[in-house]
C-alpha cells in the first residue's frame, strides 16, 4: 500500500526549469534503449532469503519459473538460458547466485592452469575470459528486478522486430542464440529499428510533469535546507513503494501475455528507477 506521506514541490514553468533539472529530465528515459548503460540502476544484491516477492528462493509458478534450474548453463544465448532459467520476471535468487559462483570457479584462471589442454580453440583462455565477462553481465542483470524485467522487454521487442511481417505470433521464428547474445551490447541502430517496428504508447503528460518536478527537487533543491531534505526523504520512500508496485504489475502483465502494456510499464518504470537512484545519491 502506498504511503500517505507524499512529497510536494510546485513545478516551475517548463521554460524556467533549472538547467540541471532540465538536462536530467532529458536523459531520464534514455536507459530504456540500452541493456548496459551508464544510467542503468546499480542496486546492491538482496541477501538470500529476503525480499521474497522480488527474489524468490522457492517456486512461485507451477510451470517452474521460480524453481532452481537443473540443466547445465548454456555458454551462449540470452541471460536466462545462460544460467538455465526460464524467461520470466520471477527468478530464484539463491539458485542464480549458486550457479554464478560455480561458473566463475569453473572458468577461473587458476583452475584452468591445472586442467588438461583443451581439444579445440573453443576452450582457449580467451574463451574462458569471454564466458566470465558474459556471466558477470548476465548475473548483474538478472539479480536486479528492474534490469531483469527490462531485459525481458528487450528480448520480446527484438523478437517482434524479427517477425514484424508475420501477424500470427504462433508462427513466429524464435531468436537464435547469436541474436539474443548481441542484445548484451548497446546498439542505437537496433534500438531505433525496434522502436519503429513496435512503437510504444506516449507517456502520460501528467506523469512527465511529475518527473520534471522530481528532477527539480533532486537536482536543483538545496540539500542543506531542512525542508528540502525532508522532501527528498519522502520522495525516496514514495519511489521505493512505486518501484515495488511496478515490479508486481510487470509480473502480472507478463503472465497475462500483455506485452504491449508490459513495454509501456517498463518505460515508465525506467523513469521511476532513475529518479530513485538519483535521489539516493543526493541523500
Protein backbone atom coordinates (compact mmCIF):
# COMPACT_ATOMS: atom_id res chain seq x y z
CA UNK A 1 0.00 0.00 0.00
CA UNK A 2 1.27 3.42 -0.90
CA UNK A 3 2.28 5.70 1.93
CA UNK A 4 0.02 8.63 2.82
CA UNK A 5 3.14 10.79 3.03
CA UNK A 6 3.80 12.42 -0.33
CA UNK A 7 6.49 14.80 -1.42
CA UNK A 8 5.38 18.05 -2.98
CA UNK A 9 7.11 20.76 -4.97
CA UNK A 10 5.46 23.38 -7.19
CA UNK A 11 6.51 22.69 -10.76
CA UNK A 12 8.10 25.71 -12.36
CA UNK A 13 7.17 26.74 -15.85
CA UNK A 14 8.91 24.40 -18.27
CA UNK A 15 10.78 27.26 -19.83
CA UNK A 16 12.07 28.26 -16.42
CA UNK A 17 13.15 24.80 -15.32
CA UNK A 18 16.68 24.99 -13.90
CA UNK A 19 19.32 23.80 -16.33
CA UNK A 20 20.44 20.87 -14.17
CA UNK A 21 16.90 19.57 -13.78
CA UNK A 22 16.09 20.08 -17.43
CA UNK A 23 19.20 18.22 -18.52
CA UNK A 24 18.40 15.36 -16.19
CA UNK A 25 14.82 15.20 -17.47
CA UNK A 26 16.11 14.85 -20.99
CA UNK A 27 18.12 11.76 -20.03
CA UNK A 28 15.80 10.09 -17.55
CA UNK A 29 14.28 7.85 -20.20
CA UNK A 30 17.47 7.13 -22.09
CA UNK A 31 18.27 3.81 -20.36
CA UNK A 32 15.21 2.13 -21.88
CA UNK A 33 17.19 1.99 -25.12
CA UNK A 34 20.14 0.20 -23.54
CA UNK A 35 20.81 -3.02 -21.70
CA UNK A 36 24.01 -1.91 -20.04
CA UNK A 37 24.38 1.85 -19.76
CA UNK A 38 25.87 4.47 -17.51
CA UNK A 39 22.39 5.31 -16.29
CA UNK A 40 21.45 1.70 -15.54
CA UNK A 41 20.31 1.12 -11.94
CA UNK A 42 23.01 -0.38 -9.74
CA UNK A 43 21.23 -1.80 -6.72
CA UNK A 44 23.14 -3.96 -4.25
CA UNK A 45 22.21 -7.63 -4.39
CA UNK A 46 19.46 -8.57 -1.95
CA UNK A 47 20.57 -11.02 0.76
CA UNK A 48 19.44 -14.56 0.06
CA UNK A 49 16.22 -15.31 1.89
CA UNK A 50 15.00 -11.71 1.92
CA UNK A 51 12.68 -9.74 -0.33
CA UNK A 52 10.92 -12.94 -1.42
CA UNK A 53 8.49 -11.01 -3.59
CA UNK A 54 11.33 -9.86 -5.80
CA UNK A 55 13.98 -12.53 -5.48
CA UNK A 56 12.34 -15.80 -4.50
CA UNK A 57 14.15 -18.84 -3.15
CA UNK A 58 11.12 -21.08 -3.75
CA UNK A 59 8.99 -21.93 -6.74
CA UNK A 60 6.46 -19.18 -7.39
CA UNK A 61 4.81 -20.63 -10.51
CA UNK A 62 3.50 -24.10 -11.29
CA UNK A 63 5.50 -24.23 -14.51
CA UNK A 64 8.71 -23.85 -12.53
CA UNK A 65 9.63 -20.22 -13.29
CA UNK A 66 10.75 -19.79 -9.69
CA UNK A 67 12.31 -23.23 -9.25
CA UNK A 68 16.03 -23.96 -9.22
CA UNK A 69 17.36 -24.86 -12.66
CA UNK A 70 18.62 -28.40 -13.19
CA UNK A 71 20.08 -28.15 -16.70
CA UNK A 72 23.72 -27.05 -17.10
CA UNK A 73 24.13 -23.41 -18.13
CA UNK A 74 24.47 -22.70 -21.81
CA UNK A 75 27.52 -20.74 -22.93
CA UNK A 76 25.58 -18.54 -25.33
CA UNK A 77 22.15 -17.06 -25.97
CA UNK A 78 20.10 -14.94 -23.60
CA UNK A 79 20.97 -14.37 -19.97
CA UNK A 80 18.21 -16.67 -18.73
CA UNK A 81 19.21 -19.69 -20.80
CA UNK A 82 22.86 -18.98 -19.97
CA UNK A 83 22.13 -19.83 -16.33
CA UNK A 84 19.43 -22.42 -17.10
CA UNK A 85 16.37 -20.38 -16.11
CA UNK A 86 13.09 -19.89 -17.97
CA UNK A 87 12.39 -16.37 -19.20
CA UNK A 88 10.21 -14.80 -16.53
CA UNK A 89 10.26 -11.75 -14.19
CA UNK A 90 10.30 -14.04 -11.14
CA UNK A 91 13.63 -15.70 -10.55
CA UNK A 92 15.18 -17.96 -7.90
CA UNK A 93 17.82 -15.70 -6.36
CA UNK A 94 19.61 -18.38 -4.35
CA UNK A 95 19.90 -20.66 -7.38
CA UNK A 96 21.15 -17.80 -9.55
CA UNK A 97 23.85 -16.88 -7.05
CA UNK A 98 24.93 -20.51 -6.66
CA UNK A 99 25.07 -21.08 -10.42
CA UNK A 100 27.01 -17.85 -10.97
CA UNK A 101 29.70 -18.62 -8.38
CA UNK A 102 30.05 -22.21 -9.63
CA UNK A 103 30.55 -20.97 -13.18
CA UNK A 104 33.12 -18.38 -12.17
CA UNK A 105 35.08 -21.04 -10.30
CA UNK A 106 34.93 -23.28 -13.35
CA UNK A 107 36.48 -20.69 -15.65
CA UNK A 108 38.87 -19.17 -13.09
CA UNK A 109 42.46 -18.92 -14.45
CA UNK A 110 43.90 -20.88 -11.51
CA UNK A 111 41.66 -23.84 -12.27
CA UNK A 112 42.40 -23.61 -15.98
CA UNK A 113 46.14 -23.94 -15.27
CA UNK A 114 45.56 -27.33 -13.66
CA UNK A 115 43.23 -28.53 -16.41
CA UNK A 116 44.44 -30.65 -19.38
CA UNK A 117 44.99 -28.83 -22.69
CA UNK A 118 41.69 -28.14 -24.49
CA UNK A 119 40.97 -30.27 -27.57
CA UNK A 120 39.96 -27.26 -29.64
CA UNK A 121 40.25 -23.47 -29.73
CA UNK A 122 36.81 -23.25 -28.11
CA UNK A 123 38.43 -23.98 -24.75
CA UNK A 124 41.10 -21.30 -25.01
CA UNK A 125 41.86 -18.81 -22.27
CA UNK A 126 40.22 -16.10 -24.34
CA UNK A 127 37.02 -18.15 -24.50
CA UNK A 128 37.09 -18.70 -20.74
CA UNK A 129 37.50 -14.95 -20.24
CA UNK A 130 34.59 -14.27 -22.56
CA UNK A 131 32.44 -16.68 -20.57
CA UNK A 132 33.40 -14.94 -17.33
CA UNK A 133 32.59 -11.49 -18.74
CA UNK A 134 29.26 -12.67 -20.11
CA UNK A 135 28.45 -14.36 -16.80
CA UNK A 136 29.10 -11.08 -14.97
CA UNK A 137 26.79 -9.16 -17.30
CA UNK A 138 24.10 -11.83 -17.04
CA UNK A 139 24.30 -12.02 -13.25
CA UNK A 140 24.23 -8.26 -12.70
CA UNK A 141 21.15 -8.02 -14.92
CA UNK A 142 19.19 -11.00 -13.61
CA UNK A 143 19.73 -10.32 -9.91
CA UNK A 144 18.03 -6.91 -10.16
CA UNK A 145 14.22 -6.94 -10.63
CA UNK A 146 14.12 -3.83 -12.80
CA UNK A 147 17.06 -4.80 -15.01
CA UNK A 148 15.66 -8.31 -15.31
CA UNK A 149 12.25 -7.08 -16.41
CA UNK A 150 13.75 -4.53 -18.79
CA UNK A 151 15.93 -7.23 -20.35
CA UNK A 152 12.83 -9.36 -20.93
CA UNK A 153 11.25 -6.38 -22.67
CA UNK A 154 14.28 -6.06 -24.93
CA UNK A 155 14.17 -9.75 -25.82
CA UNK A 156 10.48 -9.62 -26.69
CA UNK A 157 10.78 -6.43 -28.71
CA UNK A 158 13.71 -7.88 -30.66
CA UNK A 159 11.52 -10.91 -31.35
CA UNK A 160 8.78 -8.63 -32.66
CA UNK A 161 11.27 -6.92 -34.95
CA UNK A 162 12.39 -10.25 -36.39
CA UNK A 163 8.80 -11.31 -37.05
CA UNK A 164 7.29 -7.96 -37.98
CA UNK A 165 5.91 -9.35 -41.27
CA UNK A 166 4.15 -12.30 -39.60
CA UNK A 167 0.85 -11.32 -37.88
CA UNK A 168 0.34 -14.76 -36.32
CA UNK A 169 2.51 -14.93 -33.19
CA UNK A 170 2.15 -18.72 -33.12
CA UNK A 171 4.16 -18.86 -36.34
CA UNK A 172 6.95 -16.57 -35.22
CA UNK A 173 10.55 -17.66 -35.57
CA UNK A 174 12.49 -17.61 -32.31
CA UNK A 175 15.62 -15.55 -31.87
CA UNK A 176 18.80 -17.51 -32.43
CA UNK A 177 21.34 -17.71 -29.58
CA UNK A 178 23.57 -15.34 -31.55
CA UNK A 179 20.72 -12.83 -31.99
CA UNK A 180 19.99 -12.99 -28.27
CA UNK A 181 23.62 -12.60 -27.30
CA UNK A 182 24.11 -9.33 -29.19
CA UNK A 183 21.40 -7.74 -27.02
CA UNK A 184 24.01 -7.53 -24.27
CA UNK A 185 25.69 -4.74 -26.22
CA UNK A 186 24.43 -1.25 -26.92
CA UNK A 187 23.32 -0.66 -30.50
CA UNK A 188 21.40 2.55 -31.18
CA UNK A 189 20.57 1.48 -34.72
CA UNK A 190 19.00 -1.72 -33.45
CA UNK A 191 17.10 0.21 -30.79
CA UNK A 192 15.74 2.55 -33.46
CA UNK A 193 14.61 -0.36 -35.62
CA UNK A 194 12.87 -1.99 -32.67
CA UNK A 195 11.15 1.28 -31.73
CA UNK A 196 9.89 1.66 -35.30
CA UNK A 197 8.71 -1.95 -35.53
CA UNK A 198 6.99 -1.91 -32.12
CA UNK A 199 6.21 1.71 -31.17
CA UNK A 200 5.22 2.40 -27.58
CA UNK A 201 2.31 4.48 -26.35
CA UNK A 202 3.38 8.05 -25.48
CA UNK A 203 3.88 8.64 -21.79
CA UNK A 204 1.10 10.39 -19.92
CA UNK A 205 1.59 14.16 -19.72
CA UNK A 206 0.77 14.21 -16.01
CA UNK A 207 3.41 11.53 -15.42
CA UNK A 208 6.03 13.52 -17.32
CA UNK A 209 5.20 16.69 -15.39
CA UNK A 210 5.72 14.73 -12.18
CA UNK A 211 9.09 13.51 -13.49
CA UNK A 212 10.11 17.11 -14.18
CA UNK A 213 9.09 18.10 -10.67
CA UNK A 214 11.10 15.20 -9.25
CA UNK A 215 14.14 16.34 -11.19
CA UNK A 216 13.73 19.89 -9.98
CA UNK A 217 13.69 18.72 -6.39
CA UNK A 218 16.56 16.24 -6.85
CA UNK A 219 18.94 18.34 -8.93
CA UNK A 220 18.02 21.94 -8.09
CA UNK A 221 16.96 21.56 -4.46
CA UNK A 222 19.27 22.77 -1.70
CA UNK A 223 20.20 19.70 0.33
CA UNK A 224 21.32 21.92 3.21
CA UNK A 225 17.75 23.22 3.56
CA UNK A 226 15.94 21.05 6.13
CA UNK A 227 12.58 21.30 4.37
CA UNK A 228 14.08 20.34 1.00
CA UNK A 229 15.95 17.42 2.53
CA UNK A 230 12.78 16.17 4.21
CA UNK A 231 11.02 16.40 0.86
CA UNK A 232 13.79 14.29 -0.69
CA UNK A 233 13.42 11.68 2.05
CA UNK A 234 9.66 11.49 1.47
CA UNK A 235 10.23 11.30 -2.29
CA UNK A 236 12.65 8.43 -1.80
CA UNK A 237 10.12 6.48 0.25
CA UNK A 238 7.41 7.13 -2.31
CA UNK A 239 9.64 6.00 -5.18
CA UNK A 240 10.65 2.84 -3.32
CA UNK A 241 6.98 1.93 -2.90
CA UNK A 242 6.30 2.67 -6.54
CA UNK A 243 9.29 0.55 -7.52
CA UNK A 244 7.74 -2.42 -5.70
CA UNK A 245 4.39 -1.74 -7.33
CA UNK A 246 5.89 -1.61 -10.82
CA UNK A 247 7.52 -4.99 -10.27
CA UNK A 248 4.25 -6.59 -9.15
CA UNK A 249 2.45 -5.15 -12.17
CA UNK A 250 5.21 -6.31 -14.52
CA UNK A 251 4.83 -9.90 -13.31
CA UNK A 252 1.06 -9.81 -13.85
CA UNK A 253 1.34 -8.32 -17.34
CA UNK A 254 3.97 -10.85 -18.35
CA UNK A 255 1.88 -13.76 -17.09
CA UNK A 256 -1.13 -12.38 -18.98
CA UNK A 257 0.90 -12.10 -22.18
CA UNK A 258 0.03 -8.41 -22.47
CA UNK A 259 3.38 -7.38 -23.90
CA UNK A 260 2.29 -4.01 -25.27
CA UNK A 261 1.29 -2.84 -21.77
CA UNK A 262 4.38 -4.55 -20.37
CA UNK A 263 6.66 -2.49 -22.65
CA UNK A 264 4.90 0.73 -21.64
CA UNK A 265 5.18 -0.18 -17.96
CA UNK A 266 8.92 -0.79 -18.31
CA UNK A 267 9.34 2.63 -19.93
CA UNK A 268 7.58 4.35 -17.00
CA UNK A 269 9.49 2.20 -14.52
CA UNK A 270 12.75 3.37 -16.08
CA UNK A 271 11.98 6.97 -15.11
CA UNK A 272 10.96 5.93 -11.59
CA UNK A 273 14.08 3.81 -11.11
CA UNK A 274 16.41 6.53 -12.33
CA UNK A 275 14.74 9.12 -10.10
CA UNK A 276 15.10 6.76 -7.14
CA UNK A 277 18.79 6.20 -7.84
CA UNK A 278 19.43 9.92 -8.24
CA UNK A 279 17.64 10.89 -5.03
CA UNK A 280 19.59 8.21 -3.14
CA UNK A 281 22.81 9.70 -4.47
CA UNK A 282 21.76 13.18 -3.37
CA UNK A 283 20.92 11.98 0.12
